[in-house]
Amino acid sequence: MSTPTPAALRYRADELESRVPPVTAGPRTDDERMWLEKAAALRAEADRLEADRTTEK
């Protein structure tokens, strides 16, 4: 399995975040919190991959 690109990871993070209604809609459900945590993890992985590529050059 190939490693996803940083852009693909960020796209997936955006998809997950789009599932979550605005904070003014009320308290977050467990699923909404999970989606936001997963999105944050995907963004962190994208940042790490970009940093690794920068240091390889």
C-alpha atoms as a PDB file:
ATOM      1  CA  MET A   1       0.000   0.000   0.000  1.00  0.00           C
ATOM      2  CA  SER A   2       1.399   3.393  -0.941  1.00  0.00           C
ATOM      3  CA  THR A   3       1.661   6.309   1.446  1.00  0.00           C
ATOM      4  CA  PRO A   4      -1.020   8.957   0.849  1.00  0.00           C
ATOM      5  CA  THR A   5       0.183  12.388  -0.169  1.00  0.00           C
ATOM      6  CA  PRO A   6      -0.108  15.313   2.252  1.00  0.00           C
ATOM      7  CA  ALA A   7      -2.767  16.810  -0.032  1.00  0.00           C
ATOM      8  CA  ALA A   8      -4.809  13.592   0.102  1.00  0.00           C
ATOM      9  CA  LEU A   9      -4.541  13.493   3.894  1.00  0.00           C
ATOM     10  CA  ARG A  10      -5.701  17.109   4.165  1.00  0.00           C
ATOM     11  CA  TYR A  11      -8.575  16.421   1.770  1.00  0.00           C
ATOM     12  CA  ARG A  12      -9.720  13.528   3.980  1.00  0.00           C
ATOM     13  CA  ALA A  13      -9.405  15.773   7.056  1.00  0.00           C
ATOM     14  CA  ASP A  14     -11.607  18.373   5.350  1.00  0.00           C
ATOM     15  CA  GLU A  15     -14.197  15.683   4.582  1.00  0.00           C
ATOM     16  CA  LEU A  16     -14.298  14.589   8.217  1.00  0.00           C
ATOM     17  CA  GLU A  17     -14.550  18.169   9.495  1.00  0.00           C
ATOM     18  CA  SER A  18     -17.414  18.893   7.096  1.00  0.00           C
ATOM     19  CA  ARG A  19     -19.488  16.222   8.891  1.00  0.00           C
ATOM     20  CA  VAL A  20     -19.396  18.204  12.132  1.00  0.00           C
ATOM     21  CA  PRO A  21     -22.000  20.945  12.624  1.00  0.00           C
ATOM     22  CA  PRO A  22     -20.931  24.347  13.995  1.00  0.00           C
ATOM     23  CA  VAL A  23     -20.218  24.509  17.719  1.00  0.00           C
ATOM     24  CA  THR A  24     -23.292  26.730  18.112  1.00  0.00           C
ATOM     25  CA  ALA A  25     -25.433  23.704  17.163  1.00  0.00           C
ATOM     26  CA  GLY A  26     -24.941  22.237  20.615  1.00  0.00           C
ATOM     27  CA  PRO A  27     -22.694  19.780  22.402  1.00  0.00           C
ATOM     28  CA  ARG A  28     -20.543  17.471  20.289  1.00  0.00           C
ATOM     29  CA  THR A  29     -21.491  13.826  20.002  1.00  0.00           C
ATOM     30  CA  ASP A  30     -18.896  11.095  20.488  1.00  0.00           C
ATOM     31  CA  ASP A  31     -18.800  10.568  16.718  1.00  0.00           C
ATOM     32  CA  GLU A  32     -18.244  14.270  16.060  1.00  0.00           C
ATOM     33  CA  ARG A  33     -15.390  14.390  18.558  1.00  0.00           C
ATOM     34  CA  MET A  34     -13.882  11.279  16.961  1.00  0.00           C
ATOM     35  CA  TRP A  35     -14.075  12.843  13.480  1.00  0.00           C
ATOM     36  CA  LEU A  36     -12.373  16.016  14.695  1.00  0.00           C
ATOM     37  CA  GLU A  37      -9.635  14.024  16.442  1.00  0.00           C
ATOM     38  CA  LYS A  38      -9.071  11.928  13.308  1.00  0.00           C
ATOM     39  CA  ALA A  39      -8.947  15.082  11.164  1.00  0.00           C
ATOM     40  CA  ALA A  40      -6.331  16.591  13.485  1.00  0.00           C
ATOM     41  CA  ALA A  41      -4.284  13.381  13.306  1.00  0.00           C
ATOM     42  CA  LEU A  42      -4.472  13.369   9.501  1.00  0.00           C
ATOM     43  CA  ARG A  43      -3.307  16.998   9.350  1.00  0.00           C
ATOM     44  CA  ALA A  44      -0.418  16.213  11.715  1.00  0.00           C
ATOM     45  CA  GLU A  45       0.593  13.262   9.526  1.00  0.00           C
ATOM     46  CA  ALA A  46       0.460  15.488   6.425  1.00  0.00           C
ATOM     47  CA  ASP A  47       2.693  18.043   8.168  1.00  0.00           C
ATOM     48  CA  ARG A  48       5.121  15.289   9.193  1.00  0.00           C
ATOM     49  CA  LEU A  49       5.303  13.918   5.642  1.00  0.00           C
ATOM     50  CA  GLU A  50       5.987  17.395   4.248  1.00  0.00           C
ATOM     51  CA  ALA A  51       8.695  17.984   6.849  1.00  0.00           C
ATOM     52  CA  ASP A  52      10.296  14.627   6.011  1.00  0.00           C
ATOM     53  CA  ARG A  53      10.307  15.458   2.302  1.00  0.00           C
ATOM     54  CA  THR A  54      11.870  18.845   3.007  1.00  0.00           C
ATOM     55  CA  THR A  55      14.712  17.337   5.039  1.00  0.00           C
ATOM     56  CA  GLU A  56      15.391  14.656   2.392  1.00  0.00           C
ATOM     57  CA  LYS A  57      16.360  17.267  -0.204  1.00  0.00           C
END
